[in-house]
Amino acid sequence: QLVESGGGLVQPGGSLRLSCAASGSIFSINNMGWYRQAPGKQRELVALMLGGGATNYADSVKGRFTISRNNAKNTVYLQMNSLKPEDTAVYYCNLIPPLTWGQGTQVTVSS
């Protein structure tokens, strides 16, 4: 089970840190990522971390978002800086390829 949290309403240029807690030590050995789905759009992968720790990002968030994990807490994070209105979406964490989706956490960037 994956439980996302940390979303909210933030002004453009602001920051948020999302968290994803797992019921078990799945993040330390699996490839996982943060996905997002904006209204009327398909879900997209925006940040990924391989089991070995290497990371990669979608061009739209590169340089602004950072994915990290704490294996001891079975938690993955997404630090989001310099947020833009187009970052507004429901954010989900999941393995790659994904398993059952959680409820996600809403991020709204608006003035």
PDB file of N, CA and C in Angstrom:
ATOM      1  N   GLN A   1       0.856  -1.203   0.000  1.00  0.00           N
ATOM      2  CA  GLN A   1       0.000   0.000   0.000  1.00  0.00           C
ATOM      3  C   GLN A   1       0.884   1.242   0.000  1.00  0.00           C
ATOM      4  N   LEU A   2       0.506   2.198  -0.832  1.00  0.00           N
ATOM      5  CA  LEU A   2       1.245   3.450  -0.968  1.00  0.00           C
ATOM      6  C   LEU A   2       0.339   4.596  -0.552  1.00  0.00           C
ATOM      7  N   VAL A   3       0.839   5.475   0.314  1.00  0.00           N
ATOM      8  CA  VAL A   3       0.043   6.592   0.806  1.00  0.00           C
ATOM      9  C   VAL A   3       0.822   7.876   0.581  1.00  0.00           C
ATOM     10  N   GLU A   4       0.283   8.718  -0.286  1.00  0.00           N
ATOM     11  CA  GLU A   4       0.916   9.993  -0.603  1.00  0.00           C
ATOM     12  C   GLU A   4       0.365  11.091   0.294  1.00  0.00           C
ATOM     13  N   SER A   5       1.210  12.075   0.598  1.00  0.00           N
ATOM     14  CA  SER A   5       0.791  13.224   1.395  1.00  0.00           C
ATOM     15  C   SER A   5       1.680  14.411   1.083  1.00  0.00           C
ATOM     16  N   GLY A   6       1.262  15.570   1.572  1.00  0.00           N
ATOM     17  CA  GLY A   6       2.088  16.759   1.443  1.00  0.00           C
ATOM     18  C   GLY A   6       1.631  17.768   0.417  1.00  0.00           C
ATOM     19  N   GLY A   7       0.586  17.448  -0.321  1.00  0.00           N
ATOM     20  CA  GLY A   7       0.104  18.383  -1.317  1.00  0.00           C
ATOM     21  C   GLY A   7      -0.602  19.568  -0.688  1.00  0.00           C
ATOM     22  N   GLY A   8      -1.004  20.512  -1.525  1.00  0.00           N
ATOM     23  CA  GLY A   8      -1.705  21.684  -1.041  1.00  0.00           C
ATOM     24  C   GLY A   8      -1.743  22.778  -2.076  1.00  0.00           C
ATOM     25  N   LEU A   9      -2.161  23.945  -1.623  1.00  0.00           N
ATOM     26  CA  LEU A   9      -2.225  25.126  -2.482  1.00  0.00           C
ATOM     27  C   LEU A   9      -0.982  25.980  -2.228  1.00  0.00           C
ATOM     28  N   VAL A  10      -0.314  26.344  -3.296  1.00  0.00           N
ATOM     29  CA  VAL A  10       0.904  27.137  -3.171  1.00  0.00           C
ATOM     30  C   VAL A  10       0.940  28.169  -4.291  1.00  0.00           C
ATOM     31  N   GLN A  11       1.550  29.295  -4.019  1.00  0.00           N
ATOM     32  CA  GLN A  11       1.666  30.336  -5.037  1.00  0.00           C
ATOM     33  C   GLN A  11       2.778  29.988  -6.022  1.00  0.00           C
ATOM     34  N   PRO A  12       2.693  30.495  -7.235  1.00  0.00           N
ATOM     35  CA  PRO A  12       3.794  30.291  -8.195  1.00  0.00           C
ATOM     36  C   PRO A  12       5.126  30.726  -7.598  1.00  0.00           C
ATOM     37  N   GLY A  13       6.144  29.907  -7.826  1.00  0.00           N
ATOM     38  CA  GLY A  13       7.455  30.158  -7.255  1.00  0.00           C
ATOM     39  C   GLY A  13       7.674  29.504  -5.910  1.00  0.00           C
ATOM     40  N   GLY A  14       6.609  28.970  -5.329  1.00  0.00           N
ATOM     41  CA  GLY A  14       6.705  28.345  -4.021  1.00  0.00           C
ATOM     42  C   GLY A  14       7.234  26.921  -4.075  1.00  0.00           C
ATOM     43  N   SER A  15       7.256  26.286  -2.912  1.00  0.00           N
ATOM     44  CA  SER A  15       7.796  24.936  -2.783  1.00  0.00           C
ATOM     45  C   SER A  15       6.848  24.051  -1.978  1.00  0.00           C
ATOM     46  N   LEU A  16       6.930  22.776  -2.273  1.00  0.00           N
ATOM     47  CA  LEU A  16       6.235  21.750  -1.496  1.00  0.00           C
ATOM     48  C   LEU A  16       7.112  20.516  -1.451  1.00  0.00           C
ATOM     49  N   ARG A  17       6.932  19.721  -0.392  1.00  0.00           N
ATOM     50  CA  ARG A  17       7.597  18.428  -0.341  1.00  0.00           C
ATOM     51  C   ARG A  17       6.534  17.350  -0.154  1.00  0.00           C
ATOM     52  N   LEU A  18       6.465  16.466  -1.116  1.00  0.00           N
ATOM     53  CA  LEU A  18       5.534  15.348  -1.061  1.00  0.00           C
ATOM     54  C   LEU A  18       6.225  14.144  -0.431  1.00  0.00           C
ATOM     55  N   SER A  19       5.425  13.343   0.261  1.00  0.00           N
ATOM     56  CA  SER A  19       5.915  12.117   0.867  1.00  0.00           C
ATOM     57  C   SER A  19       5.077  10.944   0.404  1.00  0.00           C
ATOM     58  N   CYS A  20       5.702   9.782   0.351  1.00  0.00           N
ATOM     59  CA  CYS A  20       5.001   8.564  -0.030  1.00  0.00           C
ATOM     60  C   CYS A  20       5.481   7.457   0.892  1.00  0.00           C
ATOM     61  N   ALA A  21       4.580   6.971   1.719  1.00  0.00           N
ATOM     62  CA  ALA A  21       4.912   5.919   2.669  1.00  0.00           C
ATOM     63  C   ALA A  21       4.429   4.580   2.132  1.00  0.00           C
ATOM     64  N   ALA A  22       5.287   3.583   2.260  1.00  0.00           N
ATOM     65  CA  ALA A  22       4.946   2.241   1.786  1.00  0.00           C
ATOM     66  C   ALA A  22       4.848   1.287   2.969  1.00  0.00           C
ATOM     67  N   SER A  23       3.986   0.321   2.814  1.00  0.00           N
ATOM     68  CA  SER A  23       3.854  -0.713   3.843  1.00  0.00           C
ATOM     69  C   SER A  23       4.801  -1.850   3.496  1.00  0.00           C
ATOM     70  N   GLY A  24       6.067  -1.626   3.744  1.00  0.00           N
ATOM     71  CA  GLY A  24       7.070  -2.631   3.432  1.00  0.00           C
ATOM     72  C   GLY A  24       8.279  -2.023   2.761  1.00  0.00           C
ATOM     73  N   SER A  25       9.331  -2.756   2.680  1.00  0.00           N
ATOM     74  CA  SER A  25      10.598  -2.225   2.151  1.00  0.00           C
ATOM     75  C   SER A  25      10.672  -2.424   0.645  1.00  0.00           C
ATOM     76  N   ILE A  26       9.777  -1.754  -0.064  1.00  0.00           N
ATOM     77  CA  ILE A  26       9.732  -1.962  -1.503  1.00  0.00           C
ATOM     78  C   ILE A  26      10.569  -0.946  -2.254  1.00  0.00           C
ATOM     79  N   PHE A  27      10.820   0.198  -1.641  1.00  0.00           N
ATOM     80  CA  PHE A  27      11.500   1.244  -2.383  1.00  0.00           C
ATOM     81  C   PHE A  27      13.000   0.984  -2.521  1.00  0.00           C
ATOM     82  N   SER A  28      13.568   0.310  -1.565  1.00  0.00           N
ATOM     83  CA  SER A  28      15.019   0.172  -1.562  1.00  0.00           C
ATOM     84  C   SER A  28      15.520  -0.776  -2.639  1.00  0.00           C
ATOM     85  N   ILE A  29      14.644  -1.637  -3.142  1.00  0.00           N
ATOM     86  CA  ILE A  29      15.097  -2.643  -4.093  1.00  0.00           C
ATOM     87  C   ILE A  29      14.405  -2.533  -5.444  1.00  0.00           C
ATOM     88  N   ASN A  30      13.481  -1.621  -5.570  1.00  0.00           N
ATOM     89  CA  ASN A  30      12.714  -1.489  -6.806  1.00  0.00           C
ATOM     90  C   ASN A  30      12.888  -0.111  -7.421  1.00  0.00           C
ATOM     91  N   ASN A  31      12.680  -0.070  -8.720  1.00  0.00           N
ATOM     92  CA  ASN A  31      12.615   1.211  -9.400  1.00  0.00           C
ATOM     93  C   ASN A  31      11.272   1.832  -9.075  1.00  0.00           C
ATOM     94  N   MET A  32      11.272   3.112  -8.714  1.00  0.00           N
ATOM     95  CA  MET A  32      10.021   3.752  -8.388  1.00  0.00           C
ATOM     96  C   MET A  32      10.004   5.190  -8.870  1.00  0.00           C
ATOM     97  N   GLY A  33       8.808   5.758  -8.881  1.00  0.00           N
ATOM     98  CA  GLY A  33       8.718   7.108  -9.414  1.00  0.00           C
ATOM     99  C   GLY A  33       7.553   7.891  -8.865  1.00  0.00           C
ATOM    100  N   TRP A  34       7.599   9.170  -9.154  1.00  0.00           N
ATOM    101  CA  TRP A  34       6.476  10.065  -8.905  1.00  0.00           C
ATOM    102  C   TRP A  34       5.811  10.365 -10.247  1.00  0.00           C
ATOM    103  N   TYR A  35       4.509  10.210 -10.269  1.00  0.00           N
ATOM    104  CA  TYR A  35       3.702  10.466 -11.438  1.00  0.00           C
ATOM    105  C   TYR A  35       2.756  11.621 -11.114  1.00  0.00           C
ATOM    106  N   ARG A  36       2.203  12.210 -12.150  1.00  0.00           N
ATOM    107  CA  ARG A  36       1.168  13.211 -11.914  1.00  0.00           C
ATOM    108  C   ARG A  36       0.140  13.160 -13.032  1.00  0.00           C
ATOM    109  N   GLN A  37      -1.070  13.577 -12.692  1.00  0.00           N
ATOM    110  CA  GLN A  37      -2.145  13.626 -13.680  1.00  0.00           C
ATOM    111  C   GLN A  37      -2.879  14.947 -13.525  1.00  0.00           C
ATOM    112  N   ALA A  38      -2.786  15.763 -14.540  1.00  0.00           N
ATOM    113  CA  ALA A  38      -3.495  17.034 -14.561  1.00  0.00           C
ATOM    114  C   ALA A  38      -4.889  16.819 -15.149  1.00  0.00           C
ATOM    115  N   PRO A  39      -5.827  17.705 -14.858  1.00  0.00           N
ATOM    116  CA  PRO A  39      -7.191  17.552 -15.386  1.00  0.00           C
ATOM    117  C   PRO A  39      -7.189  17.442 -16.910  1.00  0.00           C
ATOM    118  N   GLY A  40      -7.862  16.427 -17.405  1.00  0.00           N
ATOM    119  CA  GLY A  40      -7.980  16.243 -18.841  1.00  0.00           C
ATOM    120  C   GLY A  40      -6.749  15.701 -19.528  1.00  0.00           C
ATOM    121  N   LYS A  41      -5.737  15.336 -18.758  1.00  0.00           N
ATOM    122  CA  LYS A  41      -4.497  14.832 -19.345  1.00  0.00           C
ATOM    123  C   LYS A  41      -4.188  13.437 -18.833  1.00  0.00           C
ATOM    124  N   GLN A  42      -3.316  12.741 -19.559  1.00  0.00           N
ATOM    125  CA  GLN A  42      -2.902  11.416 -19.126  1.00  0.00           C
ATOM    126  C   GLN A  42      -1.891  11.516 -17.982  1.00  0.00           C
ATOM    127  N   ARG A  43      -1.853  10.478 -17.195  1.00  0.00           N
ATOM    128  CA  ARG A  43      -0.873  10.404 -16.123  1.00  0.00           C
ATOM    129  C   ARG A  43       0.525  10.304 -16.734  1.00  0.00           C
ATOM    130  N   GLU A  44       1.464  11.057 -16.157  1.00  0.00           N
ATOM    131  CA  GLU A  44       2.827  11.058 -16.661  1.00  0.00           C
ATOM    132  C   GLU A  44       3.820  10.841 -15.530  1.00  0.00           C
ATOM    133  N   LEU A  45       4.937  10.236 -15.883  1.00  0.00           N
ATOM    134  CA  LEU A  45       6.027  10.028 -14.943  1.00  0.00           C
ATOM    135  C   LEU A  45       6.911  11.270 -14.956  1.00  0.00           C
ATOM    136  N   VAL A  46       7.112  11.892 -13.791  1.00  0.00           N
ATOM    137  CA  VAL A  46       7.903  13.110 -13.740  1.00  0.00           C
ATOM    138  C   VAL A  46       9.256  12.922 -13.074  1.00  0.00           C
ATOM    139  N   ALA A  47       9.396  11.914 -12.228  1.00  0.00           N
ATOM    140  CA  ALA A  47      10.672  11.679 -11.556  1.00  0.00           C
ATOM    141  C   ALA A  47      10.799  10.205 -11.243  1.00  0.00           C
ATOM    142  N   LEU A  48      11.985   9.660 -11.428  1.00  0.00           N
ATOM    143  CA  LEU A  48      12.183   8.253 -11.118  1.00  0.00           C
ATOM    144  C   LEU A  48      13.494   8.048 -10.372  1.00  0.00           C
ATOM    145  N   MET A  49      13.497   6.982  -9.575  1.00  0.00           N
ATOM    146  CA  MET A  49      14.710   6.579  -8.893  1.00  0.00           C
ATOM    147  C   MET A  49      14.866   5.077  -9.065  1.00  0.00           C
ATOM    148  N   LEU A  50      16.001   4.672  -9.577  1.00  0.00           N
ATOM    149  CA  LEU A  50      16.291   3.260  -9.733  1.00  0.00           C
ATOM    150  C   LEU A  50      16.654   2.651  -8.384  1.00  0.00           C
ATOM    151  N   GLY A  51      16.596   1.335  -8.321  1.00  0.00           N
ATOM    152  CA  GLY A  51      16.923   0.674  -7.072  1.00  0.00           C
ATOM    153  C   GLY A  51      18.309   1.031  -6.558  1.00  0.00           C
ATOM    154  N   GLY A  52      19.227   1.273  -7.482  1.00  0.00           N
ATOM    155  CA  GLY A  52      20.588   1.621  -7.090  1.00  0.00           C
ATOM    156  C   GLY A  52      20.768   3.068  -6.694  1.00  0.00           C
ATOM    157  N   GLY A  53      19.736   3.879  -6.899  1.00  0.00           N
ATOM    158  CA  GLY A  53      19.785   5.266  -6.468  1.00  0.00           C
ATOM    159  C   GLY A  53      19.886   6.299  -7.566  1.00  0.00           C
ATOM    160  N   ALA A  54      20.137   5.886  -8.804  1.00  0.00           N
ATOM    161  CA  ALA A  54      20.199   6.851  -9.901  1.00  0.00           C
ATOM    162  C   ALA A  54      18.822   7.464 -10.122  1.00  0.00           C
ATOM    163  N   THR A  55      18.810   8.716 -10.532  1.00  0.00           N
ATOM    164  CA  THR A  55      17.551   9.440 -10.729  1.00  0.00           C
ATOM    165  C   THR A  55      17.471  10.026 -12.131  1.00  0.00           C
ATOM    166  N   ASN A  56      16.250  10.299 -12.539  1.00  0.00           N
ATOM    167  CA  ASN A  56      16.025  10.981 -13.804  1.00  0.00           C
ATOM    168  C   ASN A  56      14.706  11.732 -13.709  1.00  0.00           C
ATOM    169  N   TYR A  57      14.551  12.756 -14.544  1.00  0.00           N
ATOM    170  CA  TYR A  57      13.400  13.633 -14.457  1.00  0.00           C
ATOM    171  C   TYR A  57      12.871  13.977 -15.833  1.00  0.00           C
ATOM    172  N   ALA A  58      11.575  14.239 -15.876  1.00  0.00           N
ATOM    173  CA  ALA A  58      10.995  14.768 -17.099  1.00  0.00           C
ATOM    174  C   ALA A  58      11.567  16.160 -17.346  1.00  0.00           C
ATOM    175  N   ASP A  59      11.683  16.511 -18.618  1.00  0.00           N
ATOM    176  CA  ASP A  59      12.252  17.817 -18.950  1.00  0.00           C
ATOM    177  C   ASP A  59      11.479  18.958 -18.291  1.00  0.00           C
ATOM    178  N   SER A  60      10.184  18.779 -18.135  1.00  0.00           N
ATOM    179  CA  SER A  60       9.340  19.850 -17.605  1.00  0.00           C
ATOM    180  C   SER A  60       9.637  20.173 -16.144  1.00  0.00           C
ATOM    181  N   VAL A  61      10.285  19.248 -15.420  1.00  0.00           N
ATOM    182  CA  VAL A  61      10.548  19.477 -13.995  1.00  0.00           C
ATOM    183  C   VAL A  61      12.035  19.446 -13.664  1.00  0.00           C
ATOM    184  N   LYS A  62      12.861  19.150 -14.639  1.00  0.00           N
ATOM    185  CA  LYS A  62      14.294  19.030 -14.405  1.00  0.00           C
ATOM    186  C   LYS A  62      14.852  20.333 -13.848  1.00  0.00           C
ATOM    187  N   GLY A  63      15.635  20.220 -12.788  1.00  0.00           N
ATOM    188  CA  GLY A  63      16.217  21.391 -12.149  1.00  0.00           C
ATOM    189  C   GLY A  63      15.329  21.997 -11.078  1.00  0.00           C
ATOM    190  N   ARG A  64      14.076  21.563 -11.004  1.00  0.00           N
ATOM    191  CA  ARG A  64      13.148  22.108 -10.004  1.00  0.00           C
ATOM    192  C   ARG A  64      12.690  21.062  -8.999  1.00  0.00           C
ATOM    193  N   PHE A  65      12.565  19.816  -9.439  1.00  0.00           N
ATOM    194  CA  PHE A  65      12.094  18.729  -8.577  1.00  0.00           C
ATOM    195  C   PHE A  65      13.264  17.820  -8.233  1.00  0.00           C
ATOM    196  N   THR A  66      13.200  17.251  -7.013  1.00  0.00           N
ATOM    197  CA  THR A  66      14.215  16.302  -6.579  1.00  0.00           C
ATOM    198  C   THR A  66      13.539  15.131  -5.881  1.00  0.00           C
ATOM    199  N   ILE A  67      13.849  13.934  -6.344  1.00  0.00           N
ATOM    200  CA  ILE A  67      13.311  12.721  -5.733  1.00  0.00           C
ATOM    201  C   ILE A  67      14.359  12.152  -4.792  1.00  0.00           C
ATOM    202  N   SER A  68      13.894  11.656  -3.642  1.00  0.00           N
ATOM    203  CA  SER A  68      14.810  11.048  -2.678  1.00  0.00           C
ATOM    204  C   SER A  68      14.047   9.987  -1.894  1.00  0.00           C
ATOM    205  N   ARG A  69      14.766   9.202  -1.135  1.00  0.00           N
ATOM    206  CA  ARG A  69      14.087   8.167  -0.349  1.00  0.00           C
ATOM    207  C   ARG A  69      14.817   7.959   0.965  1.00  0.00           C
ATOM    208  N   ASN A  70      14.074   7.458   1.930  1.00  0.00           N
ATOM    209  CA  ASN A  70      14.608   7.056   3.219  1.00  0.00           C
ATOM    210  C   ASN A  70      14.235   5.594   3.406  1.00  0.00           C
ATOM    211  N   ASN A  71      15.182   4.715   3.184  1.00  0.00           N
ATOM    212  CA  ASN A  71      14.875   3.282   3.230  1.00  0.00           C
ATOM    213  C   ASN A  71      14.440   2.850   4.626  1.00  0.00           C
ATOM    214  N   ALA A  72      15.021   3.451   5.650  1.00  0.00           N
ATOM    215  CA  ALA A  72      14.675   3.068   7.022  1.00  0.00           C
ATOM    216  C   ALA A  72      13.222   3.382   7.342  1.00  0.00           C
ATOM    217  N   LYS A  73      12.689   4.411   6.692  1.00  0.00           N
ATOM    218  CA  LYS A  73      11.295   4.810   6.926  1.00  0.00           C
ATOM    219  C   LYS A  73      10.363   4.324   5.824  1.00  0.00           C
ATOM    220  N   ASN A  74      10.901   3.589   4.850  1.00  0.00           N
ATOM    221  CA  ASN A  74      10.087   3.123   3.716  1.00  0.00           C
ATOM    222  C   ASN A  74       9.311   4.275   3.088  1.00  0.00           C
ATOM    223  N   THR A  75       9.994   5.373   2.903  1.00  0.00           N
ATOM    224  CA  THR A  75       9.350   6.590   2.420  1.00  0.00           C
ATOM    225  C   THR A  75      10.151   7.191   1.276  1.00  0.00           C
ATOM    226  N   VAL A  76       9.426   7.689   0.300  1.00  0.00           N
ATOM    227  CA  VAL A  76      10.016   8.395  -0.833  1.00  0.00           C
ATOM    228  C   VAL A  76       9.481   9.825  -0.827  1.00  0.00           C
ATOM    229  N   TYR A  77      10.315  10.750  -1.219  1.00  0.00           N
ATOM    230  CA  TYR A  77       9.948  12.167  -1.203  1.00  0.00           C
ATOM    231  C   TYR A  77      10.073  12.778  -2.596  1.00  0.00           C
ATOM    232  N   LEU A  78       9.342  13.852  -2.785  1.00  0.00           N
ATOM    233  CA  LEU A  78       9.513  14.671  -3.985  1.00  0.00           C
ATOM    234  C   LEU A  78       9.556  16.122  -3.529  1.00  0.00           C
ATOM    235  N   GLN A  79      10.732  16.717  -3.569  1.00  0.00           N
ATOM    236  CA  GLN A  79      10.889  18.130  -3.267  1.00  0.00           C
ATOM    237  C   GLN A  79      10.619  18.915  -4.536  1.00  0.00           C
ATOM    238  N   MET A  80       9.669  19.821  -4.467  1.00  0.00           N
ATOM    239  CA  MET A  80       9.258  20.589  -5.636  1.00  0.00           C
ATOM    240  C   MET A  80       9.501  22.066  -5.354  1.00  0.00           C
ATOM    241  N   ASN A  81      10.371  22.672  -6.118  1.00  0.00           N
ATOM    242  CA  ASN A  81      10.703  24.091  -5.978  1.00  0.00           C
ATOM    243  C   ASN A  81      10.302  24.843  -7.236  1.00  0.00           C
ATOM    244  N   SER A  82      10.242  26.146  -7.110  1.00  0.00           N
ATOM    245  CA  SER A  82       9.915  27.020  -8.251  1.00  0.00           C
ATOM    246  C   SER A  82       8.664  26.522  -8.972  1.00  0.00           C
ATOM    247  N   LEU A  83       7.648  26.243  -8.212  1.00  0.00           N
ATOM    248  CA  LEU A  83       6.436  25.660  -8.779  1.00  0.00           C
ATOM    249  C   LEU A  83       5.756  26.617  -9.738  1.00  0.00           C
ATOM    250  N   LYS A  84       5.148  26.029 -10.764  1.00  0.00           N
ATOM    251  CA  LYS A  84       4.454  26.778 -11.804  1.00  0.00           C
ATOM    252  C   LYS A  84       2.990  26.343 -11.859  1.00  0.00           C
ATOM    253  N   PRO A  85       2.113  27.176 -12.374  1.00  0.00           N
ATOM    254  CA  PRO A  85       0.708  26.763 -12.501  1.00  0.00           C
ATOM    255  C   PRO A  85       0.545  25.452 -13.273  1.00  0.00           C
ATOM    256  N   GLU A  86       1.402  25.201 -14.241  1.00  0.00           N
ATOM    257  CA  GLU A  86       1.282  23.963 -15.017  1.00  0.00           C
ATOM    258  C   GLU A  86       1.720  22.727 -14.237  1.00  0.00           C
ATOM    259  N   ASP A  87       2.236  22.899 -13.032  1.00  0.00           N
ATOM    260  CA  ASP A  87       2.527  21.756 -12.170  1.00  0.00           C
ATOM    261  C   ASP A  87       1.282  21.285 -11.416  1.00  0.00           C
ATOM    262  N   THR A  88       0.196  22.012 -11.536  1.00  0.00           N
ATOM    263  CA  THR A  88      -1.048  21.626 -10.877  1.00  0.00           C
ATOM    264  C   THR A  88      -1.506  20.268 -11.362  1.00  0.00           C
ATOM    265  N   ALA A  89      -1.695  19.342 -10.427  1.00  0.00           N
ATOM    266  CA  ALA A  89      -2.065  17.965 -10.768  1.00  0.00           C
ATOM    267  C   ALA A  89      -2.248  17.174  -9.483  1.00  0.00           C
ATOM    268  N   VAL A  90      -2.763  15.972  -9.645  1.00  0.00           N
ATOM    269  CA  VAL A  90      -2.723  14.997  -8.562  1.00  0.00           C
ATOM    270  C   VAL A  90      -1.437  14.205  -8.730  1.00  0.00           C
ATOM    271  N   TYR A  91      -0.666  14.118  -7.656  1.00  0.00           N
ATOM    272  CA  TYR A  91       0.625  13.441  -7.692  1.00  0.00           C
ATOM    273  C   TYR A  91       0.527  12.081  -6.999  1.00  0.00           C
ATOM    274  N   TYR A  92       1.127  11.095  -7.642  1.00  0.00           N
ATOM    275  CA  TYR A  92       1.111   9.730  -7.148  1.00  0.00           C
ATOM    276  C   TYR A  92       2.538   9.189  -7.113  1.00  0.00           C
ATOM    277  N   CYS A  93       2.802   8.299  -6.174  1.00  0.00           N
ATOM    278  CA  CYS A  93       4.037   7.536  -6.243  1.00  0.00           C
ATOM    279  C   CYS A  93       3.672   6.092  -6.569  1.00  0.00           C
ATOM    280  N   ASN A  94       4.602   5.391  -7.183  1.00  0.00           N
ATOM    281  CA  ASN A  94       4.365   3.996  -7.513  1.00  0.00           C
ATOM    282  C   ASN A  94       5.663   3.389  -8.014  1.00  0.00           C
ATOM    283  N   LEU A  95       5.642   2.085  -8.136  1.00  0.00           N
ATOM    284  CA  LEU A  95       6.784   1.405  -8.725  1.00  0.00           C
ATOM    285  C   LEU A  95       6.775   1.642 -10.236  1.00  0.00           C
ATOM    286  N   ILE A  96       7.890   1.229 -10.853  1.00  0.00           N
ATOM    287  CA  ILE A  96       7.979   1.255 -12.303  1.00  0.00           C
ATOM    288  C   ILE A  96       8.265  -0.165 -12.762  1.00  0.00           C
ATOM    289  N   PRO A  97       7.364  -0.827 -13.480  1.00  0.00           N
ATOM    290  CA  PRO A  97       6.007  -0.389 -13.827  1.00  0.00           C
ATOM    291  C   PRO A  97       5.109  -0.332 -12.601  1.00  0.00           C
ATOM    292  N   PRO A  98       4.041   0.430 -12.700  1.00  0.00           N
ATOM    293  CA  PRO A  98       3.204   0.677 -11.520  1.00  0.00           C
ATOM    294  C   PRO A  98       2.348  -0.516 -11.103  1.00  0.00           C
ATOM    295  N   LEU A  99       2.092  -0.574  -9.789  1.00  0.00           N
ATOM    296  CA  LEU A  99       1.144  -1.530  -9.226  1.00  0.00           C
ATOM    297  C   LEU A  99      -0.164  -0.773  -8.977  1.00  0.00           C
ATOM    298  N   THR A 100      -0.928  -1.200  -8.001  1.00  0.00           N
ATOM    299  CA  THR A 100      -2.191  -0.535  -7.684  1.00  0.00           C
ATOM    300  C   THR A 100      -1.918   0.910  -7.274  1.00  0.00           C
ATOM    301  N   TRP A 101      -2.736   1.834  -7.785  1.00  0.00           N
ATOM    302  CA  TRP A 101      -2.546   3.252  -7.494  1.00  0.00           C
ATOM    303  C   TRP A 101      -3.160   3.623  -6.146  1.00  0.00           C
ATOM    304  N   GLY A 102      -2.481   4.532  -5.451  1.00  0.00           N
ATOM    305  CA  GLY A 102      -3.040   5.106  -4.245  1.00  0.00           C
ATOM    306  C   GLY A 102      -3.984   6.241  -4.596  1.00  0.00           C
ATOM    307  N   GLN A 103      -4.371   7.017  -3.592  1.00  0.00           N
ATOM    308  CA  GLN A 103      -5.307   8.125  -3.822  1.00  0.00           C
ATOM    309  C   GLN A 103      -4.607   9.358  -4.352  1.00  0.00           C
ATOM    310  N   GLY A 104      -3.315   9.438  -4.199  1.00  0.00           N
ATOM    311  CA  GLY A 104      -2.583  10.607  -4.653  1.00  0.00           C
ATOM    312  C   GLY A 104      -2.759  11.788  -3.715  1.00  0.00           C
ATOM    313  N   THR A 105      -2.048  12.855  -4.025  1.00  0.00           N
ATOM    314  CA  THR A 105      -2.146  14.089  -3.255  1.00  0.00           C
ATOM    315  C   THR A 105      -2.238  15.260  -4.230  1.00  0.00           C
ATOM    316  N   GLN A 106      -3.197  16.143  -3.987  1.00  0.00           N
ATOM    317  CA  GLN A 106      -3.454  17.247  -4.915  1.00  0.00           C
ATOM    318  C   GLN A 106      -2.453  18.377  -4.696  1.00  0.00           C
ATOM    319  N   VAL A 107      -1.863  18.836  -5.774  1.00  0.00           N
ATOM    320  CA  VAL A 107      -1.001  20.014  -5.755  1.00  0.00           C
ATOM    321  C   VAL A 107      -1.632  21.064  -6.658  1.00  0.00           C
ATOM    322  N   THR A 108      -1.889  22.223  -6.095  1.00  0.00           N
ATOM    323  CA  THR A 108      -2.474  23.325  -6.863  1.00  0.00           C
ATOM    324  C   THR A 108      -1.547  24.528  -6.748  1.00  0.00           C
ATOM    325  N   VAL A 109      -1.119  25.018  -7.901  1.00  0.00           N
ATOM    326  CA  VAL A 109      -0.227  26.179  -7.939  1.00  0.00           C
ATOM    327  C   VAL A 109      -1.008  27.332  -8.550  1.00  0.00           C
ATOM    328  N   SER A 110      -1.311  28.303  -7.717  1.00  0.00           N
ATOM    329  CA  SER A 110      -2.161  29.403  -8.162  1.00  0.00           C
ATOM    330  C   SER A 110      -1.947  30.609  -7.270  1.00  0.00           C
ATOM    331  N   SER A 111      -2.101  31.787  -7.863  1.00  0.00           N
ATOM    332  CA  SER A 111      -2.015  33.004  -7.089  1.00  0.00           C
ATOM    333  C   SER A 111      -3.392  33.464  -6.651  1.00  0.00           C
TER     334      SER A 111
END
